[in-house]
C-alpha atoms as a PDB file:
ATOM      1  CA  MET A   1     100.883 113.880  71.188  1.00  0.00           C
ATOM      2  CA  ASP A   2      98.087 111.837  69.659  1.00  0.00           C
ATOM      3  CA  MET A   3      95.028 114.182  70.159  1.00  0.00           C
ATOM      4  CA  ASN A   4      92.740 111.109  69.459  1.00  0.00           C
ATOM      5  CA  ARG A   5      93.772 109.944  72.898  1.00  0.00           C
ATOM      6  CA  VAL A   6      93.273 113.162  74.952  1.00  0.00           C
ATOM      7  CA  PHE A   7      90.096 113.338  76.800  1.00  0.00           C
ATOM      8  CA  ARG A   8      88.795 116.117  78.857  1.00  0.00           C
ATOM      9  CA  ALA A   9      86.435 115.785  81.928  1.00  0.00           C
ATOM     10  CA  GLY A  10      84.325 118.477  83.162  1.00  0.00           C
ATOM     11  CA  GLU A  11      84.836 120.373  86.364  1.00  0.00           C
ATOM     12  CA  GLU A  12      84.517 118.198  89.562  1.00  0.00           C
ATOM     13  CA  SER A  13      84.771 119.262  93.035  1.00  0.00           C
ATOM     14  CA  ILE A  14      84.956 117.298  96.366  1.00  0.00           C
ATOM     15  CA  CYS A  15      84.645 118.432  99.938  1.00  0.00           C
ATOM     16  CA  LEU A  16      87.969 117.437 101.393  1.00  0.00           C
ATOM     17  CA  GLU A  17      87.132 118.295 104.974  1.00  0.00           C
ATOM     18  CA  GLN A  18      84.866 115.220 104.942  1.00  0.00           C
ATOM     19  CA  TRP A  19      86.638 112.882 102.846  1.00  0.00           C
ATOM     20  CA  GLU A  20      88.376 109.882 104.598  1.00  0.00           C
ATOM     21  CA  PRO A  21      90.369 107.800 102.219  1.00  0.00           C
ATOM     22  CA  LYS A  22      90.311 103.735 102.890  1.00  0.00           C
ATOM     23  CA  GLY A  23      93.737 103.115 101.562  1.00  0.00           C
ATOM     24  CA  TRP A  24      96.564 104.900  99.880  1.00  0.00           C
ATOM     25  CA  VAL A  25      96.184 108.395  98.180  1.00  0.00           C
ATOM     26  CA  LEU A  26      98.177 109.250  94.979  1.00  0.00           C
ATOM     27  CA  ASP A  27      98.589 112.987  94.800  1.00  0.00           C
ATOM     28  CA  VAL A  28      99.671 113.799  91.161  1.00  0.00           C
ATOM     29  CA  GLY A  29     101.379 117.070  91.236  1.00  0.00           C
ATOM     30  CA  GLY A  30     101.788 116.720  94.912  1.00  0.00           C
ATOM     31  CA  GLY A  31     104.374 119.550  95.446  1.00  0.00           C
ATOM     32  CA  GLY A  32     103.661 123.124  96.160  1.00  0.00           C
ATOM     33  CA  GLU A  33     101.177 123.465  99.045  1.00  0.00           C
ATOM     34  CA  GLY A  34     100.780 119.931  99.331  1.00  0.00           C
ATOM     35  CA  ILE A  35      97.212 119.955 100.736  1.00  0.00           C
ATOM     36  CA  ILE A  36      96.341 116.290 100.463  1.00  0.00           C
ATOM     37  CA  GLY A  37      99.570 115.458 102.077  1.00  0.00           C
ATOM     38  CA  LEU A  38      98.826 117.802 104.976  1.00  0.00           C
ATOM     39  CA  MET A  39      95.408 116.166 105.551  1.00  0.00           C
ATOM     40  CA  HIS A  40      96.413 112.496 105.250  1.00  0.00           C
ATOM     41  CA  LYS A  41     100.181 112.485 105.723  1.00  0.00           C
ATOM     42  CA  ASP A  42     101.458 108.950 105.904  1.00  0.00           C
ATOM     43  CA  ARG A  43      98.771 107.606 103.583  1.00  0.00           C
ATOM     44  CA  VAL A  44      99.723 109.675 100.802  1.00  0.00           C
ATOM     45  CA  VAL A  45     102.228 109.177  98.099  1.00  0.00           C
ATOM     46  CA  ALA A  46     102.838 112.539  96.243  1.00  0.00           C
ATOM     47  CA  ILE A  47     104.605 112.649  92.865  1.00  0.00           C
ATOM     48  CA  ASP A  48     105.740 115.674  91.020  1.00  0.00           C
ATOM     49  CA  LEU A  49     108.005 116.189  88.031  1.00  0.00           C
ATOM     50  CA  HIS A  50     109.777 118.930  89.817  1.00  0.00           C
ATOM     51  CA  LYS A  51     112.061 118.271  92.750  1.00  0.00           C
ATOM     52  CA  PRO A  52     111.950 121.822  94.299  1.00  0.00           C
ATOM     53  CA  GLU A  53     108.164 121.567  94.327  1.00  0.00           C
ATOM     54  CA  LEU A  54     108.253 118.499  96.403  1.00  0.00           C
ATOM     55  CA  GLU A  55     111.214 119.745  98.620  1.00  0.00           C
ATOM     56  CA  GLY A  56     108.953 122.769  99.405  1.00  0.00           C
ATOM     57  CA  ALA A  57     105.789 120.892 100.337  1.00  0.00           C
ATOM     58  CA  PRO A  58     105.058 120.223 103.918  1.00  0.00           C
ATOM     59  CA  SER A  59     106.539 116.823 105.430  1.00  0.00           C
ATOM     60  CA  GLY A  60     104.375 113.823 105.893  1.00  0.00           C
ATOM     61  CA  PRO A  61     103.625 111.985 102.549  1.00  0.00           C
ATOM     62  CA  LEU A  62     106.186 109.961 100.553  1.00  0.00           C
ATOM     63  CA  LYS A  63     107.562 111.993  97.894  1.00  0.00           C
ATOM     64  CA  ILE A  64     108.753 110.856  94.596  1.00  0.00           C
ATOM     65  CA  ILE A  65     110.078 112.770  91.688  1.00  0.00           C
ATOM     66  CA  MET A  66     108.409 111.326  88.690  1.00  0.00           C
ATOM     67  CA  ASP A  67     106.560 112.229  85.407  1.00  0.00           C
ATOM     68  CA  ALA A  68     102.894 111.326  85.582  1.00  0.00           C
ATOM     69  CA  HIS A  69     102.417 111.409  81.898  1.00  0.00           C
ATOM     70  CA  GLY A  70     101.892 107.848  80.556  1.00  0.00           C
ATOM     71  CA  THR A  71     103.603 106.791  77.183  1.00  0.00           C
ATOM     72  CA  SER A  72     102.565 104.413  74.565  1.00  0.00           C
ATOM     73  CA  ASN A  73     104.875 102.022  72.737  1.00  0.00           C
ATOM     74  CA  SER A  74     102.308 101.964  69.588  1.00  0.00           C
END
Protein backbone atom coordinates (compact mmCIF):
# COMPACT_ATOMS: atom_id res chain seq x y z
CA MET A 1 0.00 0.00 0.00
CA ASP A 2 1.31 3.42 -0.97
CA MET A 3 1.12 5.39 2.29
CA ASN A 4 1.40 8.65 0.31
CA ARG A 5 -2.14 7.94 -0.90
CA VAL A 6 -3.62 7.17 2.53
CA PHE A 7 -5.61 9.96 4.14
CA ARG A 8 -7.29 9.92 7.51
CA ALA A 9 -10.24 12.07 8.48
CA GLY A 10 -11.08 13.18 11.95
CA GLU A 11 -14.01 11.71 13.83
CA GLU A 12 -17.41 12.62 12.38
CA SER A 13 -20.87 11.92 13.66
CA ILE A 14 -24.37 12.34 12.27
CA CYS A 15 -27.78 11.93 13.86
CA LEU A 16 -29.32 9.09 11.84
CA GLU A 17 -32.74 9.53 13.43
CA GLN A 18 -33.24 12.77 11.52
CA TRP A 19 -31.36 11.84 8.34
CA GLU A 20 -33.53 11.43 5.26
CA PRO A 21 -31.48 10.53 2.17
CA LYS A 22 -32.55 12.01 -1.16
CA GLY A 23 -31.48 9.04 -3.28
CA TRP A 24 -29.59 5.79 -3.00
CA VAL A 25 -27.35 5.09 0.00
CA LEU A 26 -24.13 3.08 -0.34
CA ASP A 27 -23.43 1.26 2.91
CA VAL A 28 -19.78 0.14 2.78
CA GLY A 29 -19.28 -2.71 5.22
CA GLY A 30 -23.06 -3.09 5.27
CA GLY A 31 -23.10 -6.49 6.94
CA GLY A 32 -23.45 -7.12 10.64
CA GLU A 33 -26.24 -5.15 12.29
CA GLY A 34 -27.12 -3.38 9.04
CA ILE A 35 -28.40 -0.23 10.77
CA ILE A 36 -28.57 1.86 7.58
CA GLY A 37 -30.38 -0.96 5.79
CA LEU A 38 -32.90 -1.23 8.61
CA MET A 39 -33.64 2.47 8.45
CA HIS A 40 -33.85 2.99 4.69
CA LYS A 41 -34.40 -0.55 3.35
CA ASP A 42 -34.96 -0.45 -0.42
CA ARG A 43 -32.91 2.73 -0.89
CA VAL A 44 -29.72 1.05 0.35
CA VAL A 45 -27.01 -0.88 -1.48
CA ALA A 46 -25.01 -2.71 1.18
CA ILE A 47 -21.57 -4.01 0.22
CA ASP A 48 -19.33 -6.19 2.31
CA LEU A 49 -16.33 -8.36 1.56
CA HIS A 50 -17.64 -11.20 3.69
CA LYS A 51 -20.73 -13.10 2.53
CA PRO A 52 -21.67 -14.32 6.04
CA GLU A 53 -21.84 -10.70 7.22
CA LEU A 54 -24.39 -9.85 4.54
CA GLU A 55 -26.32 -13.05 5.10
CA GLY A 56 -26.64 -12.19 8.79
CA ALA A 57 -27.79 -8.63 8.17
CA PRO A 58 -31.52 -7.83 8.21
CA SER A 59 -33.41 -8.02 4.93
CA GLY A 60 -34.25 -4.89 2.99
CA PRO A 61 -31.26 -3.49 1.13
CA LEU A 62 -29.68 -4.85 -2.02
CA LYS A 63 -26.65 -6.82 -0.80
CA ILE A 64 -23.49 -7.22 -2.88
CA ILE A 65 -20.34 -9.12 -1.95
CA MET A 66 -17.44 -6.94 -3.02
CA ASP A 67 -14.25 -5.28 -1.91
CA ALA A 68 -14.58 -1.52 -1.43
CA HIS A 69 -10.81 -1.09 -1.56
CA GLY A 70 -9.86 0.81 -4.68
CA THR A 71 -6.90 -0.25 -6.74
CA SER A 72 -4.58 1.73 -8.91
CA ASN A 73 -3.02 0.71 -12.19
CA SER A 74 -0.07 3.03 -11.70
